[in-house]
């Protein structure tokens, strides 16, 4: 993002009037030209093709579906309550791993793959019990390992373009953190703050990293998505007409479009009437491209 575009304010358009109750986890699947997303409270995994406008439900579950991560063979790994479930293209399901089943008030939340294809899955406390959740990594031996214990509301996960830095949000800290990342082993070290968010500006939620190393963060309750440059300073703001954006993701031709999911959850009936676009998917072309989403190796592990 060039110097003359720093501190820019961006106005998005409505890409899809989805009406999601709790839209989350957007991810671009280039082979199908589709944006995947979940509606957590309705237990749905959606696929939407911007080129044709076609939308379909890829999977539905009885529980809360926090994320759907593409695998290299076109299948998905879906985070449902305490479980990671593999769903192949025919709809067949297989359990991959579980976490924190002894904590009924916890569930999985944001999930992403590192550049090597390992699945990272954070959990959250629905009661916001401090330190009751964690961030996990699924390794090639099919073992789900706790890597960052003592979190409360695990959210955004992403990697720098060179793969040497991992970004992570534990939302209740009001902070985006960064780690040194060892791609060969998946080990994290050197946790430190990358950017701080004042509580009055919203709670940091999901994130996406662009090809220039900028980190785009949804501010739940703040009605905006902010871009933080590699130096941790905010240089662009995407202002939304709804209060609760949840997660950004790059997609479309050349990964030039930034999509943002939103939610109607936690809005009163009067607030819903005042924000009729809450739950929509928004989009803009911010002038910087995204990074391709790494596909998970879980498909091969589950076969």
C-alpha atoms as a PDB file:
ATOM      1  CA  UNK A   1       0.000   0.000   0.000  1.00  0.00           C
ATOM      2  CA  UNK A   2       1.675   3.170  -1.193  1.00  0.00           C
ATOM      3  CA  UNK A   3       2.455   6.159   1.010  1.00  0.00           C
ATOM      4  CA  UNK A   4      -0.171   8.351  -0.646  1.00  0.00           C
ATOM      5  CA  UNK A   5      -2.815   5.774   0.279  1.00  0.00           C
ATOM      6  CA  UNK A   6      -1.919   5.648   3.952  1.00  0.00           C
ATOM      7  CA  UNK A   7      -4.582   6.660   6.450  1.00  0.00           C
ATOM      8  CA  UNK A   8      -7.249   6.080   3.821  1.00  0.00           C
ATOM      9  CA  UNK A   9     -10.886   5.538   4.678  1.00  0.00           C
ATOM     10  CA  UNK A  10     -12.676   2.926   2.548  1.00  0.00           C
ATOM     11  CA  UNK A  11     -16.417   2.532   2.015  1.00  0.00           C
ATOM     12  CA  UNK A  12     -17.539  -0.997   1.112  1.00  0.00           C
ATOM     13  CA  UNK A  13     -20.478  -2.266  -0.897  1.00  0.00           C
ATOM     14  CA  UNK A  14     -22.951  -4.984  -0.010  1.00  0.00           C
ATOM     15  CA  UNK A  15     -21.735  -8.120  -1.748  1.00  0.00           C
ATOM     16  CA  UNK A  16     -24.370 -10.506  -0.409  1.00  0.00           C
ATOM     17  CA  UNK A  17     -27.412  -9.663   1.714  1.00  0.00           C
ATOM     18  CA  UNK A  18     -26.945 -12.939   3.554  1.00  0.00           C
ATOM     19  CA  UNK A  19     -28.882 -12.246   6.737  1.00  0.00           C
ATOM     20  CA  UNK A  20     -26.506 -14.420   8.727  1.00  0.00           C
ATOM     21  CA  UNK A  21     -27.257 -14.735  12.394  1.00  0.00           C
ATOM     22  CA  UNK A  22     -23.543 -15.031  13.172  1.00  0.00           C
ATOM     23  CA  UNK A  23     -21.549 -14.959   9.946  1.00  0.00           C
ATOM     24  CA  UNK A  24     -17.882 -15.879  10.330  1.00  0.00           C
ATOM     25  CA  UNK A  25     -14.814 -17.569   8.900  1.00  0.00           C
ATOM     26  CA  UNK A  26     -14.747 -16.375   5.254  1.00  0.00           C
ATOM     27  CA  UNK A  27     -12.194 -18.156   3.090  1.00  0.00           C
ATOM     28  CA  UNK A  28     -11.711 -18.100  -0.687  1.00  0.00           C
ATOM     29  CA  UNK A  29     -11.682 -21.399  -2.565  1.00  0.00           C
ATOM     30  CA  UNK A  30     -10.137 -20.551  -5.955  1.00  0.00           C
ATOM     31  CA  UNK A  31     -10.771 -23.906  -7.657  1.00  0.00           C
ATOM     32  CA  UNK A  32     -14.514 -23.295  -7.375  1.00  0.00           C
ATOM     33  CA  UNK A  33     -14.448 -19.491  -7.452  1.00  0.00           C
ATOM     34  CA  UNK A  34     -16.385 -19.485  -4.198  1.00  0.00           C
ATOM     35  CA  UNK A  35     -16.280 -17.715  -0.879  1.00  0.00           C
ATOM     36  CA  UNK A  36     -16.935 -20.101   1.989  1.00  0.00           C
ATOM     37  CA  UNK A  37     -18.312 -18.863   5.286  1.00  0.00           C
ATOM     38  CA  UNK A  38     -20.170 -20.236   8.282  1.00  0.00           C
ATOM     39  CA  UNK A  39     -23.250 -19.133  10.177  1.00  0.00           C
ATOM     40  CA  UNK A  40     -22.198 -20.277  13.626  1.00  0.00           C
ATOM     41  CA  UNK A  41     -25.513 -20.287  15.451  1.00  0.00           C
ATOM     42  CA  UNK A  42     -27.425 -21.911  12.587  1.00  0.00           C
ATOM     43  CA  UNK A  43     -24.782 -24.627  12.143  1.00  0.00           C
ATOM     44  CA  UNK A  44     -24.333 -23.945   8.422  1.00  0.00           C
ATOM     45  CA  UNK A  45     -21.412 -23.921   6.001  1.00  0.00           C
ATOM     46  CA  UNK A  46     -22.207 -21.709   2.983  1.00  0.00           C
ATOM     47  CA  UNK A  47     -20.530 -21.423  -0.416  1.00  0.00           C
ATOM     48  CA  UNK A  48     -21.212 -18.358  -2.566  1.00  0.00           C
ATOM     49  CA  UNK A  49     -19.968 -17.682  -6.104  1.00  0.00           C
ATOM     50  CA  UNK A  50     -19.649 -13.910  -6.708  1.00  0.00           C
ATOM     51  CA  UNK A  51     -19.422 -14.397 -10.488  1.00  0.00           C
ATOM     52  CA  UNK A  52     -22.762 -16.181 -10.818  1.00  0.00           C
ATOM     53  CA  UNK A  53     -24.467 -15.156  -7.588  1.00  0.00           C
ATOM     54  CA  UNK A  54     -25.183 -18.798  -6.804  1.00  0.00           C
ATOM     55  CA  UNK A  55     -25.221 -19.770  -3.161  1.00  0.00           C
ATOM     56  CA  UNK A  56     -25.450 -23.219  -1.610  1.00  0.00           C
ATOM     57  CA  UNK A  57     -25.220 -24.931   1.753  1.00  0.00           C
ATOM     58  CA  UNK A  58     -22.258 -27.307   1.786  1.00  0.00           C
ATOM     59  CA  UNK A  59     -22.983 -28.809   5.203  1.00  0.00           C
ATOM     60  CA  UNK A  60     -25.285 -28.381   8.179  1.00  0.00           C
ATOM     61  CA  UNK A  61     -24.800 -29.509  11.762  1.00  0.00           C
ATOM     62  CA  UNK A  62     -26.817 -29.569  14.955  1.00  0.00           C
ATOM     63  CA  UNK A  63     -24.053 -27.783  16.876  1.00  0.00           C
ATOM     64  CA  UNK A  64     -22.336 -24.426  16.531  1.00  0.00           C
ATOM     65  CA  UNK A  65     -20.111 -24.360  13.450  1.00  0.00           C
ATOM     66  CA  UNK A  66     -17.182 -22.014  14.032  1.00  0.00           C
ATOM     67  CA  UNK A  67     -15.064 -22.569  10.914  1.00  0.00           C
ATOM     68  CA  UNK A  68     -14.768 -24.494   7.647  1.00  0.00           C
ATOM     69  CA  UNK A  69     -11.241 -24.894   6.295  1.00  0.00           C
ATOM     70  CA  UNK A  70     -10.645 -26.209   2.741  1.00  0.00           C
ATOM     71  CA  UNK A  71      -8.446 -29.257   2.184  1.00  0.00           C
ATOM     72  CA  UNK A  72      -6.328 -29.890  -0.880  1.00  0.00           C
ATOM     73  CA  UNK A  73      -8.685 -32.540  -2.278  1.00  0.00           C
ATOM     74  CA  UNK A  74     -11.728 -30.244  -2.171  1.00  0.00           C
ATOM     75  CA  UNK A  75     -13.010 -31.574   1.135  1.00  0.00           C
ATOM     76  CA  UNK A  76     -13.372 -29.540   4.337  1.00  0.00           C
ATOM     77  CA  UNK A  77     -12.456 -29.725   7.968  1.00  0.00           C
ATOM     78  CA  UNK A  78     -15.267 -28.184  10.001  1.00  0.00           C
ATOM     79  CA  UNK A  79     -15.042 -27.028  13.620  1.00  0.00           C
ATOM     80  CA  UNK A  80     -18.288 -28.019  15.364  1.00  0.00           C
ATOM     81  CA  UNK A  81     -18.584 -27.357  19.102  1.00  0.00           C
ATOM     82  CA  UNK A  82     -15.659 -29.376  20.573  1.00  0.00           C
ATOM     83  CA  UNK A  83     -14.921 -31.391  17.426  1.00  0.00           C
ATOM     84  CA  UNK A  84     -12.968 -31.110  14.197  1.00  0.00           C
ATOM     85  CA  UNK A  85     -14.879 -33.049  11.549  1.00  0.00           C
ATOM     86  CA  UNK A  86     -13.694 -33.971   8.054  1.00  0.00           C
ATOM     87  CA  UNK A  87     -16.387 -33.636   5.355  1.00  0.00           C
ATOM     88  CA  UNK A  88     -15.519 -35.013   1.921  1.00  0.00           C
ATOM     89  CA  UNK A  89     -17.019 -33.792  -1.334  1.00  0.00           C
ATOM     90  CA  UNK A  90     -19.706 -36.496  -1.155  1.00  0.00           C
ATOM     91  CA  UNK A  91     -20.756 -35.262   2.299  1.00  0.00           C
ATOM     92  CA  UNK A  92     -19.296 -38.192   4.236  1.00  0.00           C
ATOM     93  CA  UNK A  93     -18.055 -37.240   7.685  1.00  0.00           C
ATOM     94  CA  UNK A  94     -15.239 -38.486   9.888  1.00  0.00           C
ATOM     95  CA  UNK A  95     -14.035 -37.326  13.272  1.00  0.00           C
ATOM     96  CA  UNK A  96     -10.537 -35.842  13.217  1.00  0.00           C
ATOM     97  CA  UNK A  97      -9.965 -34.580  16.771  1.00  0.00           C
ATOM     98  CA  UNK A  98     -11.695 -33.144  19.824  1.00  0.00           C
ATOM     99  CA  UNK A  99     -10.716 -30.653  22.511  1.00  0.00           C
ATOM    100  CA  UNK A 100     -11.999 -29.492  25.886  1.00  0.00           C
ATOM    101  CA  UNK A 101     -15.000 -31.805  26.048  1.00  0.00           C
ATOM    102  CA  UNK A 102     -14.858 -31.507  29.840  1.00  0.00           C
ATOM    103  CA  UNK A 103     -15.634 -27.787  29.451  1.00  0.00           C
ATOM    104  CA  UNK A 104     -19.238 -27.599  28.176  1.00  0.00           C
ATOM    105  CA  UNK A 105     -19.124 -23.792  28.028  1.00  0.00           C
ATOM    106  CA  UNK A 106     -16.225 -23.868  25.570  1.00  0.00           C
ATOM    107  CA  UNK A 107     -16.167 -24.495  21.825  1.00  0.00           C
ATOM    108  CA  UNK A 108     -13.844 -24.161  18.873  1.00  0.00           C
ATOM    109  CA  UNK A 109     -13.659 -20.758  17.238  1.00  0.00           C
ATOM    110  CA  UNK A 110     -11.379 -19.445  14.458  1.00  0.00           C
ATOM    111  CA  UNK A 111      -9.311 -22.014  12.526  1.00  0.00           C
ATOM    112  CA  UNK A 112      -6.627 -21.460   9.882  1.00  0.00           C
ATOM    113  CA  UNK A 113      -3.824 -23.378   8.164  1.00  0.00           C
ATOM    114  CA  UNK A 114      -0.194 -22.361   8.355  1.00  0.00           C
ATOM    115  CA  UNK A 115       1.932 -22.175   5.173  1.00  0.00           C
ATOM    116  CA  UNK A 116       2.891 -25.834   5.643  1.00  0.00           C
ATOM    117  CA  UNK A 117      -0.757 -27.011   5.800  1.00  0.00           C
ATOM    118  CA  UNK A 118      -1.027 -27.648   9.540  1.00  0.00           C
ATOM    119  CA  UNK A 119      -4.414 -26.796  11.000  1.00  0.00           C
ATOM    120  CA  UNK A 120      -4.498 -24.298  13.869  1.00  0.00           C
ATOM    121  CA  UNK A 121      -7.706 -24.192  15.901  1.00  0.00           C
ATOM    122  CA  UNK A 122      -8.506 -21.857  18.767  1.00  0.00           C
ATOM    123  CA  UNK A 123     -11.162 -22.363  21.406  1.00  0.00           C
ATOM    124  CA  UNK A 124     -13.227 -19.862  23.344  1.00  0.00           C
ATOM    125  CA  UNK A 125     -15.152 -19.619  26.561  1.00  0.00           C
ATOM    126  CA  UNK A 126     -18.763 -18.694  25.843  1.00  0.00           C
ATOM    127  CA  UNK A 127     -18.902 -17.327  29.398  1.00  0.00           C
ATOM    128  CA  UNK A 128     -15.630 -15.417  28.887  1.00  0.00           C
ATOM    129  CA  UNK A 129     -14.026 -17.328  31.752  1.00  0.00           C
ATOM    130  CA  UNK A 130     -10.474 -15.924  31.884  1.00  0.00           C
ATOM    131  CA  UNK A 131      -7.817 -18.376  30.734  1.00  0.00           C
ATOM    132  CA  UNK A 132     -10.275 -21.210  30.107  1.00  0.00           C
ATOM    133  CA  UNK A 133      -9.473 -21.693  26.393  1.00  0.00           C
ATOM    134  CA  UNK A 134      -6.407 -22.330  24.230  1.00  0.00           C
ATOM    135  CA  UNK A 135      -4.887 -22.417  20.742  1.00  0.00           C
ATOM    136  CA  UNK A 136      -4.183 -25.867  19.292  1.00  0.00           C
ATOM    137  CA  UNK A 137      -2.173 -27.251  16.369  1.00  0.00           C
ATOM    138  CA  UNK A 138      -3.065 -30.433  14.505  1.00  0.00           C
ATOM    139  CA  UNK A 139       0.129 -32.191  13.452  1.00  0.00           C
ATOM    140  CA  UNK A 140       0.794 -34.842  10.814  1.00  0.00           C
ATOM    141  CA  UNK A 141       0.587 -37.578  13.465  1.00  0.00           C
ATOM    142  CA  UNK A 142      -3.095 -36.609  13.939  1.00  0.00           C
ATOM    143  CA  UNK A 143      -2.420 -35.360  17.467  1.00  0.00           C
ATOM    144  CA  UNK A 144      -4.036 -32.073  18.498  1.00  0.00           C
ATOM    145  CA  UNK A 145      -1.467 -30.246  20.617  1.00  0.00           C
ATOM    146  CA  UNK A 146      -2.090 -27.267  22.894  1.00  0.00           C
ATOM    147  CA  UNK A 147       0.398 -24.588  21.842  1.00  0.00           C
ATOM    148  CA  UNK A 148      -0.936 -21.427  23.519  1.00  0.00           C
ATOM    149  CA  UNK A 149      -2.766 -22.232  26.768  1.00  0.00           C
ATOM    150  CA  UNK A 150      -4.662 -19.813  28.969  1.00  0.00           C
ATOM    151  CA  UNK A 151      -6.591 -17.853  26.352  1.00  0.00           C
ATOM    152  CA  UNK A 152     -10.180 -16.691  26.773  1.00  0.00           C
ATOM    153  CA  UNK A 153     -11.546 -15.929  23.303  1.00  0.00           C
ATOM    154  CA  UNK A 154      -9.223 -17.199  20.565  1.00  0.00           C
ATOM    155  CA  UNK A 155      -9.888 -15.399  17.308  1.00  0.00           C
ATOM    156  CA  UNK A 156      -7.848 -14.191  14.335  1.00  0.00           C
ATOM    157  CA  UNK A 157      -4.914 -16.290  13.105  1.00  0.00           C
ATOM    158  CA  UNK A 158      -2.608 -15.445  10.202  1.00  0.00           C
ATOM    159  CA  UNK A 159       0.951 -15.487   8.857  1.00  0.00           C
ATOM    160  CA  UNK A 160       3.228 -12.869   7.338  1.00  0.00           C
ATOM    161  CA  UNK A 161       4.037 -13.210   3.619  1.00  0.00           C
ATOM    162  CA  UNK A 162       7.446 -14.717   4.409  1.00  0.00           C
ATOM    163  CA  UNK A 163       5.920 -17.174   6.885  1.00  0.00           C
ATOM    164  CA  UNK A 164       8.275 -16.101   9.681  1.00  0.00           C
ATOM    165  CA  UNK A 165       5.637 -14.384  11.828  1.00  0.00           C
ATOM    166  CA  UNK A 166       2.307 -15.667  13.112  1.00  0.00           C
ATOM    167  CA  UNK A 167      -0.408 -13.259  14.230  1.00  0.00           C
ATOM    168  CA  UNK A 168      -2.963 -14.236  16.858  1.00  0.00           C
ATOM    169  CA  UNK A 169      -5.839 -12.526  18.642  1.00  0.00           C
ATOM    170  CA  UNK A 170      -7.169 -13.375  22.084  1.00  0.00           C
ATOM    171  CA  UNK A 171     -10.018 -10.866  21.838  1.00  0.00           C
ATOM    172  CA  UNK A 172     -10.446 -10.040  25.516  1.00  0.00           C
ATOM    173  CA  UNK A 173      -6.863  -8.728  25.657  1.00  0.00           C
ATOM    174  CA  UNK A 174      -7.792  -5.965  23.144  1.00  0.00           C
ATOM    175  CA  UNK A 175      -4.568  -6.818  21.358  1.00  0.00           C
ATOM    176  CA  UNK A 176      -3.140  -8.409  18.212  1.00  0.00           C
ATOM    177  CA  UNK A 177      -0.053 -10.414  19.140  1.00  0.00           C
ATOM    178  CA  UNK A 178       2.740 -11.777  16.990  1.00  0.00           C
ATOM    179  CA  UNK A 179       5.019 -14.767  17.412  1.00  0.00           C
ATOM    180  CA  UNK A 180       8.187 -15.888  15.728  1.00  0.00           C
ATOM    181  CA  UNK A 181       7.119 -18.933  13.715  1.00  0.00           C
ATOM    182  CA  UNK A 182       9.253 -21.951  12.848  1.00  0.00           C
ATOM    183  CA  UNK A 183       7.746 -23.394   9.695  1.00  0.00           C
ATOM    184  CA  UNK A 184       9.707 -26.628   9.941  1.00  0.00           C
ATOM    185  CA  UNK A 185       8.347 -27.570  13.369  1.00  0.00           C
ATOM    186  CA  UNK A 186       5.322 -25.329  13.883  1.00  0.00           C
ATOM    187  CA  UNK A 187       6.874 -23.971  17.074  1.00  0.00           C
ATOM    188  CA  UNK A 188       6.047 -20.490  18.363  1.00  0.00           C
ATOM    189  CA  UNK A 189       8.305 -18.179  20.342  1.00  0.00           C
ATOM    190  CA  UNK A 190       8.765 -14.538  21.248  1.00  0.00           C
ATOM    191  CA  UNK A 191       5.135 -13.568  21.824  1.00  0.00           C
ATOM    192  CA  UNK A 192       4.762  -9.789  21.857  1.00  0.00           C
ATOM    193  CA  UNK A 193       2.106  -7.156  21.110  1.00  0.00           C
ATOM    194  CA  UNK A 194       1.735  -6.087  17.490  1.00  0.00           C
ATOM    195  CA  UNK A 195      -1.121  -3.586  17.879  1.00  0.00           C
ATOM    196  CA  UNK A 196      -3.457  -2.464  20.648  1.00  0.00           C
ATOM    197  CA  UNK A 197      -7.145  -1.615  20.214  1.00  0.00           C
ATOM    198  CA  UNK A 198      -8.934   0.718  22.603  1.00  0.00           C
ATOM    199  CA  UNK A 199     -12.079  -0.880  24.027  1.00  0.00           C
ATOM    200  CA  UNK A 200     -14.133   2.079  22.800  1.00  0.00           C
ATOM    201  CA  UNK A 201     -13.098   1.230  19.228  1.00  0.00           C
ATOM    202  CA  UNK A 202     -14.446  -2.326  19.364  1.00  0.00           C
ATOM    203  CA  UNK A 203     -13.078  -5.775  20.143  1.00  0.00           C
ATOM    204  CA  UNK A 204     -10.509  -7.299  17.754  1.00  0.00           C
ATOM    205  CA  UNK A 205     -12.003 -10.368  16.072  1.00  0.00           C
ATOM    206  CA  UNK A 206     -10.924 -12.130  12.856  1.00  0.00           C
ATOM    207  CA  UNK A 207      -7.975 -11.078  10.725  1.00  0.00           C
ATOM    208  CA  UNK A 208      -6.475 -11.432   7.241  1.00  0.00           C
ATOM    209  CA  UNK A 209      -2.932 -10.673   6.069  1.00  0.00           C
ATOM    210  CA  UNK A 210      -2.316  -9.051   2.686  1.00  0.00           C
ATOM    211  CA  UNK A 211       0.546  -9.578   0.244  1.00  0.00           C
ATOM    212  CA  UNK A 212       2.384  -6.494   1.535  1.00  0.00           C
ATOM    213  CA  UNK A 213       2.298  -7.713   5.129  1.00  0.00           C
ATOM    214  CA  UNK A 214      -0.618  -5.574   6.275  1.00  0.00           C
ATOM    215  CA  UNK A 215      -2.945  -7.084   8.870  1.00  0.00           C
ATOM    216  CA  UNK A 216      -6.674  -6.410   8.432  1.00  0.00           C
ATOM    217  CA  UNK A 217      -8.630  -6.811  11.683  1.00  0.00           C
ATOM    218  CA  UNK A 218     -12.408  -6.784  12.187  1.00  0.00           C
ATOM    219  CA  UNK A 219     -13.509  -4.674  15.149  1.00  0.00           C
ATOM    220  CA  UNK A 220     -16.592  -6.284  16.689  1.00  0.00           C
ATOM    221  CA  UNK A 221     -18.771  -3.517  18.104  1.00  0.00           C
ATOM    222  CA  UNK A 222     -16.695  -0.905  16.305  1.00  0.00           C
ATOM    223  CA  UNK A 223     -18.326  -1.092  12.876  1.00  0.00           C
ATOM    224  CA  UNK A 224     -14.983  -1.149  11.088  1.00  0.00           C
ATOM    225  CA  UNK A 225     -12.062  -3.160   9.755  1.00  0.00           C
ATOM    226  CA  UNK A 226      -8.613  -1.680  10.306  1.00  0.00           C
ATOM    227  CA  UNK A 227      -5.418  -2.319   8.388  1.00  0.00           C
ATOM    228  CA  UNK A 228      -2.236  -2.298  10.418  1.00  0.00           C
ATOM    229  CA  UNK A 229       0.949  -2.028   8.409  1.00  0.00           C
ATOM    230  CA  UNK A 230       3.913  -4.312   9.116  1.00  0.00           C
ATOM    231  CA  UNK A 231       5.095  -1.689  11.637  1.00  0.00           C
ATOM    232  CA  UNK A 232       1.863  -2.076  13.644  1.00  0.00           C
ATOM    233  CA  UNK A 233       0.457   1.345  12.786  1.00  0.00           C
ATOM    234  CA  UNK A 234      -3.084   1.731  11.439  1.00  0.00           C
ATOM    235  CA  UNK A 235      -2.996   3.059   7.886  1.00  0.00           C
ATOM    236  CA  UNK A 236      -6.473   2.296   6.524  1.00  0.00           C
ATOM    237  CA  UNK A 237     -10.001   1.971   7.895  1.00  0.00           C
ATOM    238  CA  UNK A 238     -12.921   0.212   6.229  1.00  0.00           C
ATOM    239  CA  UNK A 239     -16.090   1.752   7.681  1.00  0.00           C
ATOM    240  CA  UNK A 240     -19.171  -0.481   7.720  1.00  0.00           C
ATOM    241  CA  UNK A 241     -22.860   0.419   8.099  1.00  0.00           C
ATOM    242  CA  UNK A 242     -23.299  -2.321  10.729  1.00  0.00           C
ATOM    243  CA  UNK A 243     -21.814  -2.528  14.238  1.00  0.00           C
ATOM    244  CA  UNK A 244     -20.434  -6.067  14.336  1.00  0.00           C
ATOM    245  CA  UNK A 245     -18.013  -7.154  11.598  1.00  0.00           C
ATOM    246  CA  UNK A 246     -16.486 -10.528  12.403  1.00  0.00           C
ATOM    247  CA  UNK A 247     -13.775 -11.479   9.907  1.00  0.00           C
ATOM    248  CA  UNK A 248     -12.134 -10.266   6.656  1.00  0.00           C
ATOM    249  CA  UNK A 249     -10.770 -12.436   3.855  1.00  0.00           C
ATOM    250  CA  UNK A 250      -9.305 -11.762   0.417  1.00  0.00           C
ATOM    251  CA  UNK A 251     -10.818 -13.419  -2.633  1.00  0.00           C
ATOM    252  CA  UNK A 252     -11.974 -12.987  -6.182  1.00  0.00           C
ATOM    253  CA  UNK A 253      -9.746 -12.678  -9.284  1.00  0.00           C
ATOM    254  CA  UNK A 254      -6.183 -12.010  -8.212  1.00  0.00           C
ATOM    255  CA  UNK A 255      -7.279 -11.927  -4.570  1.00  0.00           C
ATOM    256  CA  UNK A 256      -7.975  -8.211  -5.087  1.00  0.00           C
ATOM    257  CA  UNK A 257     -11.300  -8.100  -3.222  1.00  0.00           C
ATOM    258  CA  UNK A 258     -11.607  -7.909   0.546  1.00  0.00           C
ATOM    259  CA  UNK A 259     -14.746  -9.597   1.867  1.00  0.00           C
ATOM    260  CA  UNK A 260     -16.069  -9.080   5.392  1.00  0.00           C
ATOM    261  CA  UNK A 261     -18.612 -11.198   7.251  1.00  0.00           C
ATOM    262  CA  UNK A 262     -20.917  -9.633   9.847  1.00  0.00           C
ATOM    263  CA  UNK A 263     -23.484 -10.663  12.432  1.00  0.00           C
ATOM    264  CA  UNK A 264     -26.887  -9.799  13.866  1.00  0.00           C
ATOM    265  CA  UNK A 265     -26.054 -11.662  17.051  1.00  0.00           C
ATOM    266  CA  UNK A 266     -26.246  -9.556  20.214  1.00  0.00           C
ATOM    267  CA  UNK A 267     -28.440  -6.940  18.525  1.00  0.00           C
ATOM    268  CA  UNK A 268     -31.820  -6.146  20.085  1.00  0.00           C
ATOM    269  CA  UNK A 269     -34.911  -6.134  17.899  1.00  0.00           C
ATOM    270  CA  UNK A 270     -34.746  -2.348  17.767  1.00  0.00           C
ATOM    271  CA  UNK A 271     -31.064  -2.479  16.787  1.00  0.00           C
ATOM    272  CA  UNK A 272     -31.802  -5.037  14.085  1.00  0.00           C
ATOM    273  CA  UNK A 273     -34.461  -2.733  12.666  1.00  0.00           C
ATOM    274  CA  UNK A 274     -31.942   0.110  12.692  1.00  0.00           C
ATOM    275  CA  UNK A 275     -29.242  -2.007  11.013  1.00  0.00           C
ATOM    276  CA  UNK A 276     -31.067  -4.014   8.322  1.00  0.00           C
ATOM    277  CA  UNK A 277     -27.768  -4.994   6.650  1.00  0.00           C
ATOM    278  CA  UNK A 278     -26.398  -6.683   9.768  1.00  0.00           C
ATOM    279  CA  UNK A 279     -25.495 -10.236   8.808  1.00  0.00           C
ATOM    280  CA  UNK A 280     -24.545  -9.265   5.233  1.00  0.00           C
ATOM    281  CA  UNK A 281     -21.235  -9.920   3.488  1.00  0.00           C
ATOM    282  CA  UNK A 282     -19.499  -6.695   2.437  1.00  0.00           C
ATOM    283  CA  UNK A 283     -16.740  -6.188  -0.131  1.00  0.00           C
ATOM    284  CA  UNK A 284     -14.274  -3.618  -1.423  1.00  0.00           C
ATOM    285  CA  UNK A 285     -11.114  -3.369  -3.527  1.00  0.00           C
ATOM    286  CA  UNK A 286      -8.608  -1.827  -1.108  1.00  0.00           C
ATOM    287  CA  UNK A 287      -5.728  -1.491  -3.571  1.00  0.00           C
ATOM    288  CA  UNK A 288      -3.676  -4.341  -2.142  1.00  0.00           C
ATOM    289  CA  UNK A 289      -3.981  -8.052  -2.836  1.00  0.00           C
ATOM    290  CA  UNK A 290      -4.341 -10.882  -0.378  1.00  0.00           C
ATOM    291  CA  UNK A 291      -2.376 -14.054   0.214  1.00  0.00           C
ATOM    292  CA  UNK A 292      -3.732 -17.399  -1.002  1.00  0.00           C
ATOM    293  CA  UNK A 293      -5.388 -19.392   1.760  1.00  0.00           C
ATOM    294  CA  UNK A 294      -3.290 -22.454   2.543  1.00  0.00           C
ATOM    295  CA  UNK A 295      -5.268 -25.666   2.262  1.00  0.00           C
ATOM    296  CA  UNK A 296      -5.267 -28.188   5.066  1.00  0.00           C
ATOM    297  CA  UNK A 297      -3.593 -31.587   4.961  1.00  0.00           C
ATOM    298  CA  UNK A 298      -6.455 -32.985   7.053  1.00  0.00           C
ATOM    299  CA  UNK A 299      -8.059 -34.497   3.957  1.00  0.00           C
ATOM    300  CA  UNK A 300      -5.132 -36.863   3.509  1.00  0.00           C
ATOM    301  CA  UNK A 301      -5.004 -37.542   7.251  1.00  0.00           C
ATOM    302  CA  UNK A 302      -8.674 -38.502   7.354  1.00  0.00           C
ATOM    303  CA  UNK A 303      -8.616 -40.749   4.294  1.00  0.00           C
END
